[in-house]
Amino acid sequence: MLYGASAYFLWGFLPLYWPLFSPPASAFEVLLHRMIWSLAVTLAVLLVQRNWRWVREVLRSPRRLLLLAASAVLISANWGFFIVAVTTGHTLQSALAYFVNPLVSVALGTLVFRERLRAPQWAAVALGGLAVAVLTVDYGSLPWLALAMAFSFAAYGVLKKFVRLDGVESLTAETAIMILPALGGVLVTEAAGSGTFLSVSPVHSLLLVGSGVATAVPLMLFGAAAHRIPLTLVGLLQFTVPVMHFLIAWLVFEEELSTGRWIGFAVVWAALTVFVVDMLRQARRTPRPASAPVSGSTAETG
């Protein structure tokens, strides 16, 4: 429980970390450093664990490499959308994204895996669609950042089911695939004079390096928890993240919460209530062991 709660609380506090760079660093530069330093951290972890056997298996499978490349693009896009949201005053959209994400994952399950939804799941998905419609009317346009985060992360979760690597292994492979574009991007920004890694302050540089720690540590805590507590409990814990994002947006960043937005979020919470109640009922009927495989859709948030 402590491992799981620590992971989700760290993910919940991430909206407070990324604005530390802006200004002067752009969201794009922060994303590039997040890729680079996340790879450094995960490689250090694998070095300590001496866990390299999976690398040979992946390299021998063009199909897995292609899936990992696609998942690398999706998780990079998700990170980028998230950083943009919390550094431009749209943390509420981040909260909405992770509230809606389980519903999007369920909907994708019907399309990709031909899963049959129960009546409560259909009701939850319909309420989620209604909430997006209400918020679209309030915003005056689609909450595209929230939808981009929700759909990119849900699609990433689908790909993770085919890749079948644990969190650290998957993050290592994905960031390794993106390392050359990331290093190239940093070199270009530094050469153009818009890079900030070595030109602002030692604290700023350390914070950029710390982006890798902020990415990898919660993931490792999550992995430790997932093998020790029931997956139903893991699923319930993940809802602490959007709740924390919502509270940070409202109480810390003081983002506007109009009547329409309150109504939209209320509909989302109603949808999640239906979703969680149904999930708990199913868990009681078909209990799973704590050591069951971990779904890719619950890891690497933010």
Protein backbone atom coordinates (compact mmCIF):
# COMPACT_ATOMS: atom_id res chain seq x y z
CA MET A 1 0.00 0.00 0.00
CA LEU A 2 2.84 2.39 0.87
CA TYR A 3 4.60 1.71 -2.45
CA GLY A 4 1.38 2.23 -4.40
CA ALA A 5 0.29 5.34 -2.54
CA SER A 6 3.78 6.84 -2.89
CA ALA A 7 3.79 6.23 -6.65
CA TYR A 8 0.41 7.82 -7.22
CA PHE A 9 1.08 10.76 -4.91
CA LEU A 10 4.32 11.51 -6.76
CA TRP A 11 2.43 11.37 -10.06
CA GLY A 12 -0.25 13.57 -8.51
CA PHE A 13 2.28 16.25 -7.59
CA LEU A 14 3.92 16.34 -11.05
CA PRO A 15 1.90 19.44 -12.13
CA LEU A 16 3.93 21.36 -9.55
CA TYR A 17 7.26 20.20 -11.01
CA TRP A 18 7.10 21.09 -14.70
CA PRO A 19 6.21 24.79 -14.26
CA LEU A 20 9.54 25.23 -12.42
CA PHE A 21 11.21 25.35 -15.86
CA SER A 22 8.88 27.77 -17.63
CA PRO A 23 10.13 30.36 -18.22
CA PRO A 24 12.84 30.24 -19.50
CA ALA A 25 12.73 26.65 -20.83
CA SER A 26 10.09 25.74 -23.39
CA ALA A 27 7.85 22.70 -22.99
CA PHE A 28 9.66 21.14 -25.96
CA GLU A 29 13.07 21.48 -24.30
CA VAL A 30 11.75 20.04 -21.04
CA LEU A 31 10.32 17.07 -22.94
CA LEU A 32 13.67 16.42 -24.63
CA HIS A 33 15.50 16.40 -21.29
CA ARG A 34 12.83 14.19 -19.76
CA MET A 35 13.52 11.56 -22.43
CA ILE A 36 17.29 11.78 -22.00
CA TRP A 37 17.46 11.64 -18.22
CA SER A 38 14.71 9.03 -17.91
CA LEU A 39 16.88 6.73 -20.02
CA ALA A 40 19.88 7.47 -17.80
CA VAL A 41 17.92 6.57 -14.65
CA THR A 42 16.41 3.37 -16.03
CA LEU A 43 19.78 2.22 -17.39
CA ALA A 44 21.25 2.72 -13.91
CA VAL A 45 18.43 0.65 -12.40
CA LEU A 46 18.92 -2.15 -14.94
CA LEU A 47 22.67 -2.07 -14.29
CA VAL A 48 22.07 -2.62 -10.58
CA GLN A 49 19.52 -5.37 -11.30
CA ARG A 50 21.71 -6.92 -14.02
CA ASN A 51 18.54 -7.28 -16.02
CA TRP A 52 19.56 -7.35 -19.69
CA ARG A 53 18.16 -10.63 -21.03
CA TRP A 54 15.00 -8.96 -22.35
CA VAL A 55 17.08 -6.70 -24.64
CA ARG A 56 18.20 -9.60 -26.83
CA GLU A 57 14.64 -10.93 -27.05
CA VAL A 58 13.33 -7.53 -28.16
CA LEU A 59 16.07 -7.01 -30.75
CA ARG A 60 15.27 -10.39 -32.28
CA SER A 61 11.65 -9.43 -32.85
CA PRO A 62 10.98 -6.78 -35.54
CA ARG A 63 7.31 -6.82 -34.52
CA ARG A 64 8.11 -5.91 -30.91
CA LEU A 65 10.53 -3.24 -32.06
CA LEU A 66 7.83 -1.70 -34.24
CA LEU A 67 5.33 -1.80 -31.38
CA LEU A 68 7.89 -0.23 -29.04
CA ALA A 69 8.60 2.51 -31.57
CA ALA A 70 4.89 3.28 -31.80
CA SER A 71 4.49 3.24 -28.02
CA ALA A 72 7.57 5.50 -27.69
CA VAL A 73 5.94 8.07 -29.97
CA LEU A 74 2.65 7.86 -28.06
CA ILE A 75 4.15 8.20 -24.58
CA SER A 76 6.40 11.05 -25.76
CA ALA A 77 3.36 12.82 -27.17
CA ASN A 78 1.48 12.21 -23.92
CA TRP A 79 4.36 13.67 -21.89
CA GLY A 80 4.52 16.65 -24.22
CA PHE A 81 0.79 17.39 -24.01
CA PHE A 82 0.95 17.08 -20.22
CA ILE A 83 3.90 19.48 -19.91
CA VAL A 84 2.16 21.98 -22.20
CA ALA A 85 -1.06 21.72 -20.16
CA VAL A 86 0.51 22.37 -16.76
CA THR A 87 2.84 25.14 -18.00
CA THR A 88 0.17 27.10 -19.87
CA GLY A 89 -2.56 27.25 -17.23
CA HIS A 90 -4.54 24.20 -18.34
CA THR A 91 -3.97 21.78 -15.46
CA LEU A 92 -7.74 21.24 -15.27
CA GLN A 93 -7.50 19.63 -18.69
CA SER A 94 -4.84 17.29 -17.32
CA ALA A 95 -7.21 16.30 -14.52
CA LEU A 96 -9.99 15.75 -17.05
CA ALA A 97 -7.68 13.61 -19.20
CA TYR A 98 -6.86 11.19 -16.40
CA PHE A 99 -10.46 11.09 -15.18
CA VAL A 100 -11.61 10.19 -18.70
CA ASN A 101 -8.70 7.85 -19.50
CA PRO A 102 -10.20 4.68 -17.93
CA LEU A 103 -13.38 5.24 -19.93
CA VAL A 104 -11.40 5.72 -23.16
CA SER A 105 -9.44 2.54 -22.38
CA VAL A 106 -12.67 0.60 -21.94
CA ALA A 107 -14.00 1.98 -25.24
CA LEU A 108 -10.78 1.02 -27.05
CA GLY A 109 -11.06 -2.45 -25.54
CA THR A 110 -14.31 -2.96 -27.45
CA LEU A 111 -12.70 -1.84 -30.72
CA VAL A 112 -9.32 -3.56 -30.49
CA PHE A 113 -9.93 -6.63 -28.34
CA ARG A 114 -13.63 -7.08 -29.14
CA GLU A 115 -14.42 -6.95 -25.45
CA ARG A 116 -18.07 -6.87 -24.48
CA LEU A 117 -19.08 -4.04 -22.20
CA ARG A 118 -21.53 -4.54 -19.38
CA ALA A 119 -24.46 -2.16 -19.07
CA PRO A 120 -22.80 -0.09 -16.29
CA GLN A 121 -19.67 0.28 -18.45
CA TRP A 122 -21.74 1.53 -21.37
CA ALA A 123 -23.43 3.99 -19.01
CA ALA A 124 -20.04 5.22 -17.74
CA VAL A 125 -18.70 5.70 -21.27
CA ALA A 126 -21.88 7.57 -22.28
CA LEU A 127 -21.59 9.84 -19.24
CA GLY A 128 -17.95 10.48 -20.12
CA GLY A 129 -19.00 11.57 -23.60
CA LEU A 130 -21.66 13.83 -22.12
CA ALA A 131 -19.08 15.41 -19.81
CA VAL A 132 -16.79 16.19 -22.76
CA ALA A 133 -19.77 17.75 -24.59
CA VAL A 134 -20.63 19.93 -21.57
CA LEU A 135 -17.02 21.07 -21.20
CA THR A 136 -16.76 21.75 -24.93
CA VAL A 137 -19.72 24.12 -24.68
CA ASP A 138 -18.16 25.81 -21.65
CA TYR A 139 -14.68 26.15 -23.20
CA GLY A 140 -16.12 27.22 -26.54
CA SER A 141 -14.07 24.51 -28.25
CA LEU A 142 -13.02 20.93 -27.70
CA PRO A 143 -10.73 20.46 -24.65
CA TRP A 144 -8.14 19.16 -27.10
CA LEU A 145 -5.28 18.88 -24.63
CA ALA A 146 -7.37 16.64 -22.36
CA LEU A 147 -8.56 14.50 -25.27
CA ALA A 148 -5.04 14.26 -26.72
CA MET A 149 -3.66 13.09 -23.37
CA ALA A 150 -6.50 10.63 -22.75
CA PHE A 151 -6.42 9.03 -26.20
CA SER A 152 -2.62 8.92 -26.51
CA PHE A 153 -2.32 7.26 -23.09
CA ALA A 154 -5.17 4.81 -23.74
CA ALA A 155 -3.66 3.85 -27.12
CA TYR A 156 -0.29 3.48 -25.40
CA GLY A 157 -1.91 1.08 -22.93
CA VAL A 158 -3.27 -1.00 -25.80
CA LEU A 159 0.21 -1.31 -27.36
CA LYS A 160 1.73 -2.25 -24.00
CA LYS A 161 -0.50 -5.31 -23.88
CA PHE A 162 1.21 -6.58 -27.06
CA VAL A 163 4.76 -5.61 -26.04
CA ARG A 164 4.66 -7.37 -22.64
CA LEU A 165 7.55 -5.69 -20.85
CA ASP A 166 7.48 -4.44 -17.29
CA GLY A 167 7.53 -0.73 -16.50
CA VAL A 168 11.29 -0.16 -16.23
CA GLU A 169 12.11 -2.35 -19.23
CA SER A 170 9.44 -0.69 -21.36
CA LEU A 171 10.48 2.84 -20.37
CA THR A 172 14.11 1.99 -21.12
CA ALA A 173 13.28 0.68 -24.58
CA GLU A 174 10.98 3.60 -25.41
CA THR A 175 13.40 6.30 -24.29
CA ALA A 176 16.28 4.48 -26.03
CA ILE A 177 14.32 4.63 -29.28
CA MET A 178 13.76 8.38 -28.78
CA ILE A 179 17.26 9.17 -27.49
CA LEU A 180 18.78 10.24 -30.83
CA PRO A 181 15.94 12.65 -31.70
CA ALA A 182 16.06 13.95 -28.12
CA LEU A 183 19.83 14.50 -28.14
CA GLY A 184 19.59 16.08 -31.58
CA GLY A 185 16.84 18.40 -30.39
CA VAL A 186 18.91 19.51 -27.39
CA LEU A 187 21.97 20.16 -29.55
CA VAL A 188 19.90 22.19 -32.01
CA THR A 189 18.27 24.30 -29.27
CA GLU A 190 21.63 24.90 -27.59
CA ALA A 191 23.28 25.84 -30.89
CA ALA A 192 20.41 28.20 -31.71
CA GLY A 193 20.81 29.93 -28.33
CA SER A 194 17.34 28.94 -27.09
CA GLY A 195 18.57 26.08 -24.93
CA THR A 196 18.69 26.66 -21.18
CA PHE A 197 20.48 23.60 -19.79
CA LEU A 198 23.84 25.28 -19.09
CA SER A 199 22.93 28.95 -19.40
CA VAL A 200 20.48 29.65 -16.56
CA SER A 201 21.71 28.29 -13.22
CA PRO A 202 23.03 25.08 -11.62
CA VAL A 203 19.63 24.62 -9.93
CA HIS A 204 17.87 24.83 -13.28
CA SER A 205 20.25 22.26 -14.75
CA LEU A 206 19.71 19.93 -11.79
CA LEU A 207 15.95 20.27 -12.15
CA LEU A 208 16.19 19.24 -15.79
CA VAL A 209 18.29 16.22 -14.80
CA GLY A 210 15.74 15.52 -12.07
CA SER A 211 13.03 15.13 -14.70
CA GLY A 212 14.37 11.63 -15.27
CA VAL A 213 14.13 10.83 -11.56
CA ALA A 214 10.60 12.29 -11.42
CA THR A 215 9.64 9.98 -14.27
CA ALA A 216 11.35 6.75 -13.20
CA VAL A 217 10.95 6.68 -9.39
CA PRO A 218 7.12 6.61 -9.31
CA LEU A 219 7.16 3.95 -12.01
CA MET A 220 9.45 1.71 -9.92
CA LEU A 221 7.30 2.23 -6.83
CA PHE A 222 4.25 1.35 -8.89
CA GLY A 223 5.91 -1.85 -10.10
CA ALA A 224 6.76 -2.82 -6.51
CA ALA A 225 3.16 -2.26 -5.43
CA ALA A 226 1.50 -4.01 -8.37
CA HIS A 227 3.04 -7.36 -7.46
CA ARG A 228 2.05 -7.10 -3.80
CA ILE A 229 -1.53 -5.79 -3.68
CA PRO A 230 -4.68 -6.75 -5.63
CA LEU A 231 -5.06 -5.07 -9.01
CA THR A 232 -8.49 -3.82 -7.97
CA LEU A 233 -6.82 -1.76 -5.27
CA VAL A 234 -4.20 -0.56 -7.77
CA GLY A 235 -7.02 0.54 -10.06
CA LEU A 236 -8.70 2.49 -7.28
CA LEU A 237 -5.44 4.15 -6.23
CA GLN A 238 -4.91 5.54 -9.73
CA PHE A 239 -7.88 7.89 -9.28
CA THR A 240 -5.85 9.84 -6.70
CA VAL A 241 -3.85 11.32 -9.61
CA PRO A 242 -6.65 13.24 -11.40
CA VAL A 243 -8.13 14.26 -8.03
CA MET A 244 -4.79 15.78 -7.04
CA HIS A 245 -4.41 17.45 -10.45
CA PHE A 246 -7.90 18.92 -10.08
CA LEU A 247 -7.16 20.24 -6.57
CA ILE A 248 -3.80 21.71 -7.66
CA ALA A 249 -5.42 23.44 -10.64
CA TRP A 250 -8.20 24.83 -8.45
CA LEU A 251 -6.40 25.68 -5.19
CA VAL A 252 -2.76 26.28 -6.22
CA PHE A 253 -2.92 27.58 -9.80
CA GLU A 254 -6.37 29.16 -9.24
CA GLU A 255 -7.61 28.18 -12.68
CA GLU A 256 -11.11 29.34 -13.51
CA LEU A 257 -13.88 26.91 -12.55
CA SER A 258 -17.07 28.22 -14.10
CA THR A 259 -20.47 26.70 -13.45
CA GLY A 260 -20.23 24.80 -16.74
CA ARG A 261 -16.89 23.27 -15.74
CA TRP A 262 -18.24 22.23 -12.34
CA ILE A 263 -21.15 20.55 -14.12
CA GLY A 264 -18.81 18.86 -16.60
CA PHE A 265 -16.56 17.49 -13.86
CA ALA A 266 -19.60 16.42 -11.85
CA VAL A 267 -20.75 14.32 -14.82
CA VAL A 268 -17.25 12.83 -15.08
CA TRP A 269 -17.29 11.93 -11.39
CA ALA A 270 -20.71 10.34 -11.83
CA ALA A 271 -19.30 8.27 -14.71
CA LEU A 272 -16.34 7.15 -12.61
CA THR A 273 -18.62 6.26 -9.71
CA VAL A 274 -20.58 3.94 -11.98
CA PHE A 275 -17.32 2.57 -13.38
CA VAL A 276 -15.74 1.91 -9.96
CA VAL A 277 -18.85 0.34 -8.43
CA ASP A 278 -19.09 -2.04 -11.39
CA MET A 279 -15.36 -2.81 -11.14
CA LEU A 280 -15.68 -3.66 -7.44
CA ARG A 281 -18.67 -5.90 -8.06
CA GLN A 282 -16.80 -7.79 -10.74
CA ALA A 283 -13.74 -8.12 -8.52
CA ARG A 284 -15.84 -9.77 -5.82
CA ARG A 285 -17.24 -12.26 -8.33
CA THR A 286 -13.89 -13.07 -9.99
CA PRO A 287 -11.07 -12.27 -7.55
CA ARG A 288 -7.59 -12.03 -9.00
CA PRO A 289 -4.29 -12.85 -7.28
CA ALA A 290 -2.04 -9.95 -6.30
CA SER A 291 0.67 -11.26 -8.63
CA ALA A 292 -1.41 -10.93 -11.79
CA PRO A 293 0.20 -9.16 -14.77
CA VAL A 294 0.04 -5.39 -14.69
CA SER A 295 -1.92 -3.58 -17.39
CA GLY A 296 0.12 -1.08 -19.33
CA SER A 297 -2.70 1.47 -19.10
CA THR A 298 -2.08 2.08 -15.40
CA ALA A 299 1.59 2.94 -15.54
CA GLU A 300 3.78 5.83 -16.64
CA THR A 301 1.22 8.53 -16.09
CA GLY A 302 2.01 12.22 -16.60
